[in-house]
Amino acid sequence: MKIFFFCLLLIAVIVLISRIPKRGTKIALYAVLIILAVIMIFPFYMMFAMSTHATSEIYSFPPDLLFGSRTLENFYKMTAAVNFPLSFLNSTIVSLSYTVLVLLFCSMGGYAFAVYDFPGRRQLFSLLLVTMMIPWTAGIIPWFMLMSKFGWVNSFKSLIIPGCANAFGIYWMRQYCSKNVSRSLMEAARIDGCSEWTIFFRIIAPVIQPAYASLGIMQFVNVWNDFMQPLLMLRDPDKMTLPLLLKTMVSDRGTDIGTLMFTSSCAVLPLLIVFLFASKYFLSGLTAGAVKE
């Protein structure tokens, strides 16, 4: 309900901005963007701030919105309560392996749909798009049964391999390749004697780097934050990923909020670092391409 009212408020603001004279439109637009940015950033700020406080300080009224002095204390409590480095390593292995495979197979599939003309291409691509409309939860039971038949329960393979050629990734790369891959460049490479594999890895792959960055960040974040699939597949506590680790820190007998927020902050930091280093390519992948015909 709160999200619904927020959307209504946002629509009302946009309508009001559209009626403002041109001189004030830019100022009003920047003001709205700043407000939205503050709304989006504030929860993260509160999480980092609470990670430096004890639980008793967090529940105090009025709440302290500034950073505290209990960072080391929460760090020691985290190391005593859970094995954060092992879960961090597990999440890194799963997320990086999955992302690399997605970039490889989805780029190859998207490139094939965009460049090659083969029988049934449109029908197959339409069928691929239809699968995006099916909720993931509708396939949980068949997916779990299939993983059990393969013997991949309690294995990272069940989290990495099944989705490494997903429909969204192929669609994303197909749209980017269709608009930014130069056919004349490919024909010139074929005349020079390059094979199709050489054309793809030596010529096309550098051109679609922005699409790689955008898709890679989105897939990495999704897998890093995934809770349901590791919960269904992983049985060994030594194979827990970070979302499962955070769940074990929540207890009905009492939760140390300060330690939980500190652990959550440590889990979020890699995502922020990845985005900061790849933000340039991420934004260019969302907006424009490198080569135009």
C-alpha atoms as a PDB file:
ATOM      1  CA  MET A   1       0.000   0.000   0.000  1.00  0.00           C
ATOM      2  CA  LYS A   2       2.851   2.398   0.796  1.00  0.00           C
ATOM      3  CA  ILE A   3       4.464   1.648  -2.551  1.00  0.00           C
ATOM      4  CA  PHE A   4       1.127   2.333  -4.274  1.00  0.00           C
ATOM      5  CA  PHE A   5       0.812   5.764  -2.647  1.00  0.00           C
ATOM      6  CA  PHE A   6       4.460   6.502  -3.425  1.00  0.00           C
ATOM      7  CA  CYS A   7       3.842   5.722  -7.110  1.00  0.00           C
ATOM      8  CA  LEU A   8       0.782   7.973  -7.109  1.00  0.00           C
ATOM      9  CA  LEU A   9       2.818  10.759  -5.541  1.00  0.00           C
ATOM     10  CA  LEU A  10       5.558  10.294  -8.143  1.00  0.00           C
ATOM     11  CA  ILE A  11       3.029  10.448 -10.996  1.00  0.00           C
ATOM     12  CA  ALA A  12       1.502  13.613  -9.511  1.00  0.00           C
ATOM     13  CA  VAL A  13       4.940  15.230  -9.271  1.00  0.00           C
ATOM     14  CA  ILE A  14       5.738  14.363 -12.898  1.00  0.00           C
ATOM     15  CA  VAL A  15       2.408  15.846 -14.043  1.00  0.00           C
ATOM     16  CA  LEU A  16       3.125  19.040 -12.113  1.00  0.00           C
ATOM     17  CA  ILE A  17       6.605  19.281 -13.609  1.00  0.00           C
ATOM     18  CA  SER A  18       5.189  18.934 -17.128  1.00  0.00           C
ATOM     19  CA  ARG A  19       3.070  22.063 -16.507  1.00  0.00           C
ATOM     20  CA  ILE A  20       5.956  24.180 -15.263  1.00  0.00           C
ATOM     21  CA  PRO A  21       7.382  26.695 -17.775  1.00  0.00           C
ATOM     22  CA  LYS A  22      10.554  25.638 -19.557  1.00  0.00           C
ATOM     23  CA  ARG A  23      12.814  27.873 -17.480  1.00  0.00           C
ATOM     24  CA  GLY A  24      11.828  26.143 -14.274  1.00  0.00           C
ATOM     25  CA  THR A  25      11.501  22.622 -15.653  1.00  0.00           C
ATOM     26  CA  LYS A  26      15.166  21.714 -15.245  1.00  0.00           C
ATOM     27  CA  ILE A  27      15.308  23.066 -11.688  1.00  0.00           C
ATOM     28  CA  ALA A  28      12.151  21.192 -10.725  1.00  0.00           C
ATOM     29  CA  LEU A  29      13.418  18.016 -12.374  1.00  0.00           C
ATOM     30  CA  TYR A  30      16.719  18.143 -10.503  1.00  0.00           C
ATOM     31  CA  ALA A  31      14.872  18.804  -7.251  1.00  0.00           C
ATOM     32  CA  VAL A  32      12.696  15.723  -7.780  1.00  0.00           C
ATOM     33  CA  LEU A  33      15.738  13.607  -8.680  1.00  0.00           C
ATOM     34  CA  ILE A  34      17.587  14.760  -5.567  1.00  0.00           C
ATOM     35  CA  ILE A  35      14.591  13.896  -3.376  1.00  0.00           C
ATOM     36  CA  LEU A  36      14.299  10.455  -4.960  1.00  0.00           C
ATOM     37  CA  ALA A  37      18.045   9.886  -4.548  1.00  0.00           C
ATOM     38  CA  VAL A  38      17.840  10.758  -0.856  1.00  0.00           C
ATOM     39  CA  ILE A  39      14.880   8.393  -0.421  1.00  0.00           C
ATOM     40  CA  MET A  40      16.816   5.580  -2.081  1.00  0.00           C
ATOM     41  CA  ILE A  41      20.109   6.201  -0.255  1.00  0.00           C
ATOM     42  CA  PHE A  42      18.692   6.790   3.242  1.00  0.00           C
ATOM     43  CA  PRO A  43      18.006   3.078   4.071  1.00  0.00           C
ATOM     44  CA  PHE A  44      21.597   2.200   3.159  1.00  0.00           C
ATOM     45  CA  TYR A  45      22.896   5.052   5.267  1.00  0.00           C
ATOM     46  CA  MET A  46      20.812   3.872   8.210  1.00  0.00           C
ATOM     47  CA  MET A  47      22.128   0.333   7.814  1.00  0.00           C
ATOM     48  CA  PHE A  48      25.752   1.522   7.869  1.00  0.00           C
ATOM     49  CA  ALA A  49      25.020   3.863  10.786  1.00  0.00           C
ATOM     50  CA  MET A  50      23.259   1.159  12.842  1.00  0.00           C
ATOM     51  CA  SER A  51      26.190  -1.186  12.250  1.00  0.00           C
ATOM     52  CA  THR A  52      28.273   1.116  14.471  1.00  0.00           C
ATOM     53  CA  HIS A  53      25.798   1.065  17.386  1.00  0.00           C
ATOM     54  CA  ALA A  54      24.831  -1.465  20.014  1.00  0.00           C
ATOM     55  CA  THR A  55      21.331  -2.930  19.957  1.00  0.00           C
ATOM     56  CA  SER A  56      20.277  -0.912  23.019  1.00  0.00           C
ATOM     57  CA  GLU A  57      21.340   2.313  21.283  1.00  0.00           C
ATOM     58  CA  ILE A  58      19.420   1.409  18.120  1.00  0.00           C
ATOM     59  CA  TYR A  59      16.166   0.942  20.053  1.00  0.00           C
ATOM     60  CA  SER A  60      16.589   4.212  21.952  1.00  0.00           C
ATOM     61  CA  PHE A  61      14.247   7.126  21.274  1.00  0.00           C
ATOM     62  CA  PRO A  62      14.878   9.396  19.521  1.00  0.00           C
ATOM     63  CA  PRO A  63      17.090   7.189  17.326  1.00  0.00           C
ATOM     64  CA  ASP A  64      20.687   8.225  16.758  1.00  0.00           C
ATOM     65  CA  LEU A  65      21.151   8.927  13.036  1.00  0.00           C
ATOM     66  CA  LEU A  66      24.914   9.487  13.328  1.00  0.00           C
ATOM     67  CA  PHE A  67      27.678   6.904  13.312  1.00  0.00           C
ATOM     68  CA  GLY A  68      28.572   5.405  16.676  1.00  0.00           C
ATOM     69  CA  SER A  69      31.643   3.880  18.307  1.00  0.00           C
ATOM     70  CA  ARG A  70      30.689   0.185  18.541  1.00  0.00           C
ATOM     71  CA  THR A  71      32.136  -0.914  15.185  1.00  0.00           C
ATOM     72  CA  LEU A  72      34.893  -3.105  16.608  1.00  0.00           C
ATOM     73  CA  GLU A  73      32.534  -4.571  19.192  1.00  0.00           C
ATOM     74  CA  ASN A  74      30.052  -5.590  16.483  1.00  0.00           C
ATOM     75  CA  PHE A  75      32.915  -6.987  14.424  1.00  0.00           C
ATOM     76  CA  TYR A  76      34.075  -9.211  17.273  1.00  0.00           C
ATOM     77  CA  LYS A  77      30.496 -10.336  17.914  1.00  0.00           C
ATOM     78  CA  MET A  78      30.089 -11.229  14.232  1.00  0.00           C
ATOM     79  CA  THR A  79      33.291 -13.300  14.139  1.00  0.00           C
ATOM     80  CA  ALA A  80      32.196 -15.113  17.302  1.00  0.00           C
ATOM     81  CA  ALA A  81      28.665 -15.801  16.096  1.00  0.00           C
ATOM     82  CA  VAL A  82      29.113 -16.824  12.441  1.00  0.00           C
ATOM     83  CA  ASN A  83      31.769 -17.852   9.945  1.00  0.00           C
ATOM     84  CA  PHE A  84      31.512 -14.793   7.723  1.00  0.00           C
ATOM     85  CA  PRO A  85      34.702 -15.365   5.624  1.00  0.00           C
ATOM     86  CA  LEU A  86      33.551 -18.843   4.547  1.00  0.00           C
ATOM     87  CA  SER A  87      30.068 -17.652   3.564  1.00  0.00           C
ATOM     88  CA  PHE A  88      31.616 -14.676   1.772  1.00  0.00           C
ATOM     89  CA  LEU A  89      33.850 -17.080  -0.175  1.00  0.00           C
ATOM     90  CA  ASN A  90      30.859 -19.283  -1.043  1.00  0.00           C
ATOM     91  CA  SER A  91      28.857 -16.314  -2.327  1.00  0.00           C
ATOM     92  CA  THR A  92      31.852 -15.106  -4.330  1.00  0.00           C
ATOM     93  CA  ILE A  93      32.366 -18.498  -5.970  1.00  0.00           C
ATOM     94  CA  VAL A  94      28.695 -18.900  -6.881  1.00  0.00           C
ATOM     95  CA  SER A  95      28.181 -15.309  -8.061  1.00  0.00           C
ATOM     96  CA  LEU A  96      31.368 -15.022 -10.131  1.00  0.00           C
ATOM     97  CA  SER A  97      30.997 -18.468 -11.726  1.00  0.00           C
ATOM     98  CA  TYR A  98      27.370 -17.830 -12.598  1.00  0.00           C
ATOM     99  CA  THR A  99      28.076 -14.355 -13.986  1.00  0.00           C
ATOM    100  CA  VAL A 100      30.956 -15.527 -16.183  1.00  0.00           C
ATOM    101  CA  LEU A 101      28.879 -18.364 -17.651  1.00  0.00           C
ATOM    102  CA  VAL A 102      25.900 -16.063 -18.213  1.00  0.00           C
ATOM    103  CA  LEU A 103      28.053 -13.541 -20.075  1.00  0.00           C
ATOM    104  CA  LEU A 104      29.554 -16.280 -22.238  1.00  0.00           C
ATOM    105  CA  PHE A 105      26.431 -18.220 -23.206  1.00  0.00           C
ATOM    106  CA  CYS A 106      23.967 -15.315 -23.316  1.00  0.00           C
ATOM    107  CA  SER A 107      26.271 -13.229 -25.503  1.00  0.00           C
ATOM    108  CA  MET A 108      26.698 -16.143 -27.895  1.00  0.00           C
ATOM    109  CA  GLY A 109      22.940 -16.780 -27.984  1.00  0.00           C
ATOM    110  CA  GLY A 110      22.040 -13.109 -28.353  1.00  0.00           C
ATOM    111  CA  TYR A 111      24.653 -12.663 -31.081  1.00  0.00           C
ATOM    112  CA  ALA A 112      23.266 -15.655 -32.995  1.00  0.00           C
ATOM    113  CA  PHE A 113      19.694 -14.354 -32.821  1.00  0.00           C
ATOM    114  CA  ALA A 114      20.796 -10.875 -33.920  1.00  0.00           C
ATOM    115  CA  VAL A 115      23.178 -11.743 -36.757  1.00  0.00           C
ATOM    116  CA  TYR A 116      22.419 -15.153 -38.240  1.00  0.00           C
ATOM    117  CA  ASP A 117      19.338 -15.936 -40.328  1.00  0.00           C
ATOM    118  CA  PHE A 118      18.318 -19.541 -39.689  1.00  0.00           C
ATOM    119  CA  PRO A 119      14.979 -21.357 -40.031  1.00  0.00           C
ATOM    120  CA  GLY A 120      12.613 -20.748 -37.118  1.00  0.00           C
ATOM    121  CA  ARG A 121      14.639 -17.874 -35.685  1.00  0.00           C
ATOM    122  CA  ARG A 122      11.653 -15.619 -34.994  1.00  0.00           C
ATOM    123  CA  GLN A 123       9.514 -18.427 -33.613  1.00  0.00           C
ATOM    124  CA  LEU A 124      12.307 -19.632 -31.326  1.00  0.00           C
ATOM    125  CA  PHE A 125      13.001 -16.119 -30.093  1.00  0.00           C
ATOM    126  CA  SER A 126       9.286 -15.554 -29.439  1.00  0.00           C
ATOM    127  CA  LEU A 127       9.170 -18.794 -27.454  1.00  0.00           C
ATOM    128  CA  LEU A 128      12.182 -17.576 -25.490  1.00  0.00           C
ATOM    129  CA  LEU A 129      10.366 -14.344 -24.633  1.00  0.00           C
ATOM    130  CA  VAL A 130       7.272 -16.274 -23.530  1.00  0.00           C
ATOM    131  CA  THR A 131       9.354 -18.093 -20.896  1.00  0.00           C
ATOM    132  CA  MET A 132      10.133 -14.704 -19.308  1.00  0.00           C
ATOM    133  CA  MET A 133       6.440 -14.315 -18.475  1.00  0.00           C
ATOM    134  CA  ILE A 134       6.321 -17.503 -16.391  1.00  0.00           C
ATOM    135  CA  PRO A 135       6.949 -16.846 -12.673  1.00  0.00           C
ATOM    136  CA  TRP A 136      10.024 -18.553 -11.319  1.00  0.00           C
ATOM    137  CA  THR A 137       8.028 -19.941  -8.423  1.00  0.00           C
ATOM    138  CA  ALA A 138       5.922 -21.992 -10.857  1.00  0.00           C
ATOM    139  CA  GLY A 139       8.955 -24.104 -11.689  1.00  0.00           C
ATOM    140  CA  ILE A 140      10.387 -24.622  -8.200  1.00  0.00           C
ATOM    141  CA  ILE A 141       9.126 -28.221  -7.809  1.00  0.00           C
ATOM    142  CA  PRO A 142      10.233 -29.441 -11.304  1.00  0.00           C
ATOM    143  CA  TRP A 143      13.566 -27.661 -10.851  1.00  0.00           C
ATOM    144  CA  PHE A 144      14.148 -29.276  -7.460  1.00  0.00           C
ATOM    145  CA  MET A 145      13.212 -32.719  -8.824  1.00  0.00           C
ATOM    146  CA  LEU A 146      15.590 -32.272 -11.741  1.00  0.00           C
ATOM    147  CA  MET A 147      18.433 -31.214  -9.473  1.00  0.00           C
ATOM    148  CA  SER A 148      17.747 -34.249  -7.300  1.00  0.00           C
ATOM    149  CA  LYS A 149      17.916 -36.546 -10.338  1.00  0.00           C
ATOM    150  CA  PHE A 150      21.270 -35.022 -11.297  1.00  0.00           C
ATOM    151  CA  GLY A 151      22.549 -35.414  -7.750  1.00  0.00           C
ATOM    152  CA  TRP A 152      23.239 -31.702  -7.460  1.00  0.00           C
ATOM    153  CA  VAL A 153      21.446 -31.117  -4.152  1.00  0.00           C
ATOM    154  CA  ASN A 154      23.863 -29.564  -1.641  1.00  0.00           C
ATOM    155  CA  SER A 155      26.135 -28.580  -4.535  1.00  0.00           C
ATOM    156  CA  PHE A 156      27.025 -25.216  -6.003  1.00  0.00           C
ATOM    157  CA  LYS A 157      26.361 -26.646  -9.466  1.00  0.00           C
ATOM    158  CA  SER A 158      22.612 -26.436  -8.839  1.00  0.00           C
ATOM    159  CA  LEU A 159      22.964 -22.673  -8.303  1.00  0.00           C
ATOM    160  CA  ILE A 160      25.310 -22.000 -11.217  1.00  0.00           C
ATOM    161  CA  ILE A 161      24.526 -24.184 -14.223  1.00  0.00           C
ATOM    162  CA  PRO A 162      20.692 -24.205 -14.671  1.00  0.00           C
ATOM    163  CA  GLY A 163      20.364 -20.456 -15.252  1.00  0.00           C
ATOM    164  CA  CYS A 164      23.595 -19.726 -17.100  1.00  0.00           C
ATOM    165  CA  ALA A 165      21.721 -19.288 -20.427  1.00  0.00           C
ATOM    166  CA  ASN A 166      18.635 -17.455 -19.179  1.00  0.00           C
ATOM    167  CA  ALA A 167      16.056 -15.808 -21.417  1.00  0.00           C
ATOM    168  CA  PHE A 168      16.605 -12.283 -20.122  1.00  0.00           C
ATOM    169  CA  GLY A 169      20.351 -12.424 -20.759  1.00  0.00           C
ATOM    170  CA  ILE A 170      19.884 -13.681 -24.314  1.00  0.00           C
ATOM    171  CA  TYR A 171      17.241 -11.033 -24.980  1.00  0.00           C
ATOM    172  CA  TRP A 172      19.482  -8.302 -23.548  1.00  0.00           C
ATOM    173  CA  MET A 173      22.484  -9.281 -25.674  1.00  0.00           C
ATOM    174  CA  ARG A 174      20.347  -9.793 -28.768  1.00  0.00           C
ATOM    175  CA  GLN A 175      18.905  -6.290 -28.549  1.00  0.00           C
ATOM    176  CA  TYR A 176      22.330  -4.751 -28.043  1.00  0.00           C
ATOM    177  CA  CYS A 177      23.974  -6.751 -30.841  1.00  0.00           C
ATOM    178  CA  SER A 178      21.192  -5.978 -33.308  1.00  0.00           C
ATOM    179  CA  LYS A 179      21.727  -2.227 -32.829  1.00  0.00           C
ATOM    180  CA  ASN A 180      25.482  -1.989 -32.371  1.00  0.00           C
ATOM    181  CA  VAL A 181      27.192  -4.795 -34.286  1.00  0.00           C
ATOM    182  CA  SER A 182      28.379  -3.636 -37.685  1.00  0.00           C
ATOM    183  CA  ARG A 183      27.587  -6.107 -40.456  1.00  0.00           C
ATOM    184  CA  SER A 184      30.181  -4.517 -42.712  1.00  0.00           C
ATOM    185  CA  LEU A 185      32.838  -5.133 -40.047  1.00  0.00           C
ATOM    186  CA  MET A 186      31.880  -8.802 -39.910  1.00  0.00           C
ATOM    187  CA  GLU A 187      31.970  -9.135 -43.696  1.00  0.00           C
ATOM    188  CA  ALA A 188      35.410  -7.539 -43.800  1.00  0.00           C
ATOM    189  CA  ALA A 189      36.635 -10.024 -41.187  1.00  0.00           C
ATOM    190  CA  ARG A 190      35.246 -12.951 -43.199  1.00  0.00           C
ATOM    191  CA  ILE A 191      36.990 -11.690 -46.337  1.00  0.00           C
ATOM    192  CA  ASP A 192      40.247 -11.597 -44.367  1.00  0.00           C
ATOM    193  CA  GLY A 193      39.770 -15.273 -43.530  1.00  0.00           C
ATOM    194  CA  CYS A 194      38.575 -15.037 -39.929  1.00  0.00           C
ATOM    195  CA  SER A 195      36.468 -17.878 -38.611  1.00  0.00           C
ATOM    196  CA  GLU A 196      33.131 -17.248 -36.902  1.00  0.00           C
ATOM    197  CA  TRP A 197      34.683 -17.934 -33.504  1.00  0.00           C
ATOM    198  CA  THR A 198      37.496 -15.473 -34.199  1.00  0.00           C
ATOM    199  CA  ILE A 199      34.990 -12.827 -35.324  1.00  0.00           C
ATOM    200  CA  PHE A 200      32.972 -13.244 -32.154  1.00  0.00           C
ATOM    201  CA  PHE A 201      35.781 -13.302 -29.596  1.00  0.00           C
ATOM    202  CA  ARG A 202      38.217 -10.900 -31.290  1.00  0.00           C
ATOM    203  CA  ILE A 203      35.894  -8.393 -32.959  1.00  0.00           C
ATOM    204  CA  ILE A 204      32.362  -8.586 -31.544  1.00  0.00           C
ATOM    205  CA  ALA A 205      33.217  -9.127 -27.862  1.00  0.00           C
ATOM    206  CA  PRO A 206      35.155  -5.828 -27.531  1.00  0.00           C
ATOM    207  CA  VAL A 207      32.310  -3.958 -29.234  1.00  0.00           C
ATOM    208  CA  ILE A 208      29.663  -5.214 -26.800  1.00  0.00           C
ATOM    209  CA  GLN A 209      31.656  -4.544 -23.620  1.00  0.00           C
ATOM    210  CA  PRO A 210      29.010  -2.097 -22.273  1.00  0.00           C
ATOM    211  CA  ALA A 211      26.360  -4.809 -22.641  1.00  0.00           C
ATOM    212  CA  TYR A 212      28.657  -7.246 -20.839  1.00  0.00           C
ATOM    213  CA  ALA A 213      29.095  -4.793 -17.963  1.00  0.00           C
ATOM    214  CA  SER A 214      25.379  -4.042 -17.628  1.00  0.00           C
ATOM    215  CA  LEU A 215      24.273  -7.669 -17.770  1.00  0.00           C
ATOM    216  CA  GLY A 216      27.148  -8.778 -15.546  1.00  0.00           C
ATOM    217  CA  ILE A 217      26.271  -6.310 -12.780  1.00  0.00           C
ATOM    218  CA  MET A 218      22.584  -7.223 -12.867  1.00  0.00           C
ATOM    219  CA  GLN A 219      23.237 -10.964 -12.768  1.00  0.00           C
ATOM    220  CA  PHE A 220      25.938 -10.675 -10.106  1.00  0.00           C
ATOM    221  CA  VAL A 221      23.649  -8.674  -7.830  1.00  0.00           C
ATOM    222  CA  ASN A 222      20.735 -11.085  -8.335  1.00  0.00           C
ATOM    223  CA  VAL A 223      22.800 -14.153  -7.465  1.00  0.00           C
ATOM    224  CA  TRP A 224      24.621 -12.456  -4.594  1.00  0.00           C
ATOM    225  CA  ASN A 225      21.284 -11.519  -2.990  1.00  0.00           C
ATOM    226  CA  ASP A 226      19.475 -14.763  -3.845  1.00  0.00           C
ATOM    227  CA  PHE A 227      17.981 -16.461  -0.810  1.00  0.00           C
ATOM    228  CA  MET A 228      15.385 -18.959  -2.068  1.00  0.00           C
ATOM    229  CA  GLN A 229      17.565 -21.159  -4.283  1.00  0.00           C
ATOM    230  CA  PRO A 230      20.409 -21.622  -1.750  1.00  0.00           C
ATOM    231  CA  LEU A 231      17.771 -22.292   0.934  1.00  0.00           C
ATOM    232  CA  LEU A 232      16.284 -25.114  -1.155  1.00  0.00           C
ATOM    233  CA  MET A 233      19.545 -26.601  -2.391  1.00  0.00           C
ATOM    234  CA  LEU A 234      22.243 -26.241   0.256  1.00  0.00           C
ATOM    235  CA  ARG A 235      22.239 -28.523   3.290  1.00  0.00           C
ATOM    236  CA  ASP A 236      25.808 -28.261   4.596  1.00  0.00           C
ATOM    237  CA  PRO A 237      26.386 -25.249   6.921  1.00  0.00           C
ATOM    238  CA  ASP A 238      29.868 -24.893   5.417  1.00  0.00           C
ATOM    239  CA  LYS A 239      28.262 -24.129   2.031  1.00  0.00           C
ATOM    240  CA  MET A 240      25.953 -21.360   3.240  1.00  0.00           C
ATOM    241  CA  THR A 241      25.936 -18.167   1.200  1.00  0.00           C
ATOM    242  CA  LEU A 242      25.615 -14.734   2.789  1.00  0.00           C
ATOM    243  CA  PRO A 243      21.784 -14.463   2.638  1.00  0.00           C
ATOM    244  CA  LEU A 244      21.510 -17.783   4.480  1.00  0.00           C
ATOM    245  CA  LEU A 245      24.119 -16.639   6.976  1.00  0.00           C
ATOM    246  CA  LEU A 246      22.112 -13.497   7.731  1.00  0.00           C
ATOM    247  CA  LYS A 247      18.994 -15.616   8.270  1.00  0.00           C
ATOM    248  CA  THR A 248      20.773 -17.683  10.918  1.00  0.00           C
ATOM    249  CA  MET A 249      21.494 -14.484  12.878  1.00  0.00           C
ATOM    250  CA  VAL A 250      17.755 -13.780  13.305  1.00  0.00           C
ATOM    251  CA  SER A 251      16.300 -15.592  16.305  1.00  0.00           C
ATOM    252  CA  ASP A 252      12.992 -15.590  18.155  1.00  0.00           C
ATOM    253  CA  ARG A 253      14.910 -15.489  21.421  1.00  0.00           C
ATOM    254  CA  GLY A 254      16.442 -12.157  20.524  1.00  0.00           C
ATOM    255  CA  THR A 255      18.452 -10.721  17.672  1.00  0.00           C
ATOM    256  CA  ASP A 256      21.557  -8.590  18.066  1.00  0.00           C
ATOM    257  CA  ILE A 257      20.539  -5.853  15.619  1.00  0.00           C
ATOM    258  CA  GLY A 258      23.891  -4.080  15.764  1.00  0.00           C
ATOM    259  CA  THR A 259      25.799  -7.221  14.795  1.00  0.00           C
ATOM    260  CA  LEU A 260      23.202  -8.081  12.152  1.00  0.00           C
ATOM    261  CA  MET A 261      23.488  -4.620  10.583  1.00  0.00           C
ATOM    262  CA  PHE A 262      27.286  -4.859  10.645  1.00  0.00           C
ATOM    263  CA  THR A 263      27.168  -8.226   8.857  1.00  0.00           C
ATOM    264  CA  SER A 264      24.645  -6.861   6.352  1.00  0.00           C
ATOM    265  CA  SER A 265      26.918  -3.885   5.656  1.00  0.00           C
ATOM    266  CA  CYS A 266      29.844  -6.222   5.002  1.00  0.00           C
ATOM    267  CA  ALA A 267      27.637  -8.221   2.618  1.00  0.00           C
ATOM    268  CA  VAL A 268      26.536  -5.110   0.708  1.00  0.00           C
ATOM    269  CA  LEU A 269      29.977  -3.525   0.302  1.00  0.00           C
ATOM    270  CA  PRO A 270      31.135  -5.853  -2.536  1.00  0.00           C
ATOM    271  CA  LEU A 271      28.068  -4.896  -4.568  1.00  0.00           C
ATOM    272  CA  LEU A 272      28.806  -1.204  -4.130  1.00  0.00           C
ATOM    273  CA  ILE A 273      32.452  -1.716  -5.091  1.00  0.00           C
ATOM    274  CA  VAL A 274      31.542  -3.714  -8.213  1.00  0.00           C
ATOM    275  CA  PHE A 275      29.066  -1.062  -9.322  1.00  0.00           C
ATOM    276  CA  LEU A 276      31.501   1.821  -8.713  1.00  0.00           C
ATOM    277  CA  PHE A 277      34.211   0.188 -10.813  1.00  0.00           C
ATOM    278  CA  ALA A 278      31.843  -0.762 -13.645  1.00  0.00           C
ATOM    279  CA  SER A 279      29.358   2.116 -13.465  1.00  0.00           C
ATOM    280  CA  LYS A 280      30.772   3.813 -16.572  1.00  0.00           C
ATOM    281  CA  TYR A 281      30.204   0.735 -18.730  1.00  0.00           C
ATOM    282  CA  PHE A 282      26.925  -0.029 -16.976  1.00  0.00           C
ATOM    283  CA  LEU A 283      25.394   3.342 -17.863  1.00  0.00           C
ATOM    284  CA  SER A 284      26.711   3.257 -21.421  1.00  0.00           C
ATOM    285  CA  GLY A 285      25.287  -0.241 -21.824  1.00  0.00           C
ATOM    286  CA  LEU A 286      21.881   1.020 -20.768  1.00  0.00           C
ATOM    287  CA  THR A 287      21.879   4.021 -23.086  1.00  0.00           C
ATOM    288  CA  ALA A 288      24.087   3.762 -26.149  1.00  0.00           C
ATOM    289  CA  GLY A 289      26.311   1.490 -28.179  1.00  0.00           C
ATOM    290  CA  ALA A 290      29.851   1.529 -29.454  1.00  0.00           C
ATOM    291  CA  VAL A 291      29.355   0.900 -33.180  1.00  0.00           C
ATOM    292  CA  LYS A 292      26.559   2.107 -35.441  1.00  0.00           C
ATOM    293  CA  GLU A 293      25.897   1.093 -38.973  1.00  0.00           C
END
